[in-house]
Amino acid sequence: MPERVLETECVIPRPVEEVFPFFSDARNLEAITPPDLRLRVTTGGPIEMKAGALIDYTLRVRGLPMRWRTRITAWEPGRRFVDEQIKGPYRQWIHEHTFFAEGGSTRMRDVVRYRVPMDFLVHNWLVRPDIERIFAFRSNVIRERFGAMGS
């Protein structure tokens, strides 16, 4: 089962101090995920972001209800954080979010390393197009919200 990698990058014309808090708030994931996935954060109460934090979600993948649990494995406020799937649709999902200050702007980079069951059957036809669609939607939301450039 090969490890797949998705990398995206954009420049957001806002300072890191404004951008990082938005992306590090787990509840904002609902706003940047396509509505048809029906992603909902189910962790109760306020979520304290830190290494070791657990976050639970429900979502629908191709209409099938699923639960997803991630753990924050790296937490460097204002610079980067990493979430890793503990339970969910992937064999592996490691998503590193990195933020670089560039004057009054922020360069945001996402690197996702993932593995899927039955990769040879489903990756090219189902999984990769779904992930690319999710990140394209996310890019559009970021552009509308922050005026981001690139992707």
Protein backbone atom coordinates (compact mmCIF):
# COMPACT_ATOMS: atom_id res chain seq x y z
CA MET A 1 0.00 0.00 0.00
CA PRO A 2 1.92 3.08 -1.20
CA GLU A 3 2.02 6.34 0.69
CA ARG A 4 0.43 9.11 -1.35
CA VAL A 5 1.24 12.80 -0.92
CA LEU A 6 -0.86 15.88 -1.62
CA GLU A 7 0.78 19.30 -1.35
CA THR A 8 -0.94 22.64 -1.66
CA GLU A 9 0.26 26.16 -1.02
CA CYS A 10 -1.26 29.61 -1.10
CA VAL A 11 -0.41 33.14 -0.07
CA ILE A 12 -2.98 34.80 2.15
CA PRO A 13 -2.77 38.60 2.25
CA ARG A 14 -3.22 38.67 6.03
CA PRO A 15 -0.70 38.33 8.87
CA VAL A 16 0.04 34.95 10.47
CA GLU A 17 -1.45 36.26 13.73
CA GLU A 18 -4.84 36.42 11.98
CA VAL A 19 -4.55 33.34 9.74
CA PHE A 20 -3.16 30.76 12.17
CA PRO A 21 -5.99 31.03 14.73
CA PHE A 22 -8.62 30.41 12.04
CA PHE A 23 -6.98 27.23 10.75
CA SER A 24 -6.05 25.92 14.18
CA ASP A 25 -9.66 26.14 15.40
CA ALA A 26 -10.96 22.61 14.74
CA ARG A 27 -14.54 23.85 14.44
CA ASN A 28 -13.62 25.91 11.36
CA LEU A 29 -13.00 22.68 9.48
CA GLU A 30 -16.76 22.52 8.95
CA ALA A 31 -16.64 25.82 7.03
CA ILE A 32 -13.83 24.76 4.69
CA THR A 33 -15.17 21.27 3.87
CA PRO A 34 -17.67 20.69 1.04
CA PRO A 35 -21.23 20.62 2.42
CA ASP A 36 -22.04 17.24 0.86
CA LEU A 37 -19.53 15.60 3.23
CA ARG A 38 -21.63 16.82 6.18
CA LEU A 39 -18.53 17.07 8.34
CA ARG A 40 -19.41 17.90 11.94
CA VAL A 41 -17.10 18.26 14.92
CA THR A 42 -18.59 16.09 17.65
CA THR A 43 -16.05 16.76 20.39
CA GLY A 44 -17.96 18.51 23.14
CA GLY A 45 -17.05 21.81 24.71
CA PRO A 46 -14.09 23.98 23.85
CA ILE A 47 -11.21 22.18 22.17
CA GLU A 48 -7.83 23.11 23.58
CA MET A 49 -5.39 22.76 20.72
CA LYS A 50 -2.13 21.22 21.87
CA ALA A 51 -0.03 18.16 21.16
CA GLY A 52 -2.10 15.16 22.18
CA ALA A 53 -5.51 16.82 21.70
CA LEU A 54 -8.16 14.46 20.30
CA ILE A 55 -10.86 15.69 17.94
CA ASP A 56 -13.88 13.66 16.84
CA TYR A 57 -15.94 14.22 13.70
CA THR A 58 -18.74 12.63 11.77
CA LEU A 59 -18.92 12.87 8.00
CA ARG A 60 -20.24 11.13 4.92
CA VAL A 61 -17.91 9.71 2.31
CA ARG A 62 -19.78 8.96 -0.91
CA GLY A 63 -22.96 8.89 1.17
CA LEU A 64 -21.65 6.45 3.78
CA PRO A 65 -21.65 7.75 7.37
CA MET A 66 -18.29 7.59 9.10
CA ARG A 67 -16.59 8.65 12.26
CA TRP A 68 -13.19 10.27 12.18
CA ARG A 69 -10.86 10.84 15.10
CA THR A 70 -7.64 12.81 14.85
CA ARG A 71 -4.84 13.54 17.28
CA ILE A 72 -2.75 16.69 17.18
CA THR A 73 0.79 15.29 17.10
CA ALA A 74 2.69 18.56 16.67
CA TRP A 75 1.67 21.99 17.92
CA GLU A 76 3.81 25.07 17.31
CA PRO A 77 1.49 28.09 17.64
CA GLY A 78 1.84 30.58 14.82
CA ARG A 79 4.09 28.23 12.85
CA ARG A 80 2.69 24.71 12.31
CA PHE A 81 0.56 21.87 13.53
CA VAL A 82 0.01 18.27 12.49
CA ASP A 83 -3.15 16.20 12.77
CA GLU A 84 -3.10 12.42 12.35
CA GLN A 85 -6.06 10.15 11.86
CA ILE A 86 -6.53 7.59 14.62
CA LYS A 87 -9.83 6.29 13.28
CA GLY A 88 -11.41 7.00 9.91
CA PRO A 89 -11.61 6.09 6.25
CA TYR A 90 -7.86 6.05 5.54
CA ARG A 91 -5.15 3.58 6.53
CA GLN A 92 -3.02 6.66 7.20
CA TRP A 93 -3.77 10.38 7.18
CA ILE A 94 -1.09 12.80 8.37
CA HIS A 95 -1.82 16.43 7.60
CA GLU A 96 0.88 19.02 8.27
CA HIS A 97 -0.18 22.66 8.20
CA THR A 98 2.71 25.15 8.00
CA PHE A 99 2.50 28.94 8.11
CA PHE A 100 5.26 31.33 7.02
CA ALA A 101 5.16 35.08 7.62
CA GLU A 102 6.02 37.05 4.47
CA GLY A 103 5.76 40.71 5.30
CA GLY A 104 2.08 41.31 6.11
CA SER A 105 1.05 38.11 4.32
CA THR A 106 1.11 34.42 5.19
CA ARG A 107 2.31 31.57 3.01
CA MET A 108 0.31 28.53 4.04
CA ARG A 109 1.44 25.07 3.02
CA ASP A 110 -0.44 21.81 3.49
CA VAL A 111 1.20 18.43 3.08
CA VAL A 112 -1.01 15.37 3.46
CA ARG A 113 0.53 11.90 3.55
CA TYR A 114 -2.10 9.22 3.20
CA ARG A 115 -2.67 5.55 2.45
CA VAL A 116 -5.92 3.95 1.40
CA PRO A 117 -7.19 0.39 1.56
CA MET A 118 -7.19 -1.38 -1.82
CA ASP A 119 -5.13 1.49 -3.23
CA PHE A 120 -4.63 -0.12 -6.64
CA LEU A 121 -8.41 -0.28 -7.14
CA VAL A 122 -9.70 2.93 -5.63
CA HIS A 123 -7.02 5.62 -5.47
CA ASN A 124 -7.00 7.00 -9.00
CA TRP A 125 -10.74 6.68 -9.64
CA LEU A 126 -12.24 7.56 -6.27
CA VAL A 127 -9.90 8.72 -3.53
CA ARG A 128 -7.58 11.12 -5.36
CA PRO A 129 -10.44 12.93 -7.15
CA ASP A 130 -12.32 13.24 -3.83
CA ILE A 131 -9.29 14.66 -2.00
CA GLU A 132 -8.51 17.06 -4.84
CA ARG A 133 -12.15 18.24 -4.83
CA ILE A 134 -12.05 18.78 -1.06
CA PHE A 135 -8.87 20.85 -1.27
CA ALA A 136 -10.19 22.83 -4.27
CA PHE A 137 -13.30 23.69 -2.25
CA ARG A 138 -11.08 24.65 0.68
CA SER A 139 -8.98 26.86 -1.59
CA ASN A 140 -12.11 28.67 -2.83
CA VAL A 141 -13.32 29.28 0.73
CA ILE A 142 -9.90 30.61 1.73
CA ARG A 143 -9.88 32.91 -1.32
CA GLU A 144 -13.36 34.23 -0.47
CA ARG A 145 -12.60 34.67 3.22
CA PHE A 146 -9.04 36.00 3.07
CA GLY A 147 -8.38 36.93 -0.56
CA ALA A 148 -5.72 34.22 -0.94
CA MET A 149 -3.63 33.81 -4.06
CA GLY A 150 -2.32 30.58 -5.58
CA SER A 151 -2.97 27.01 -4.58
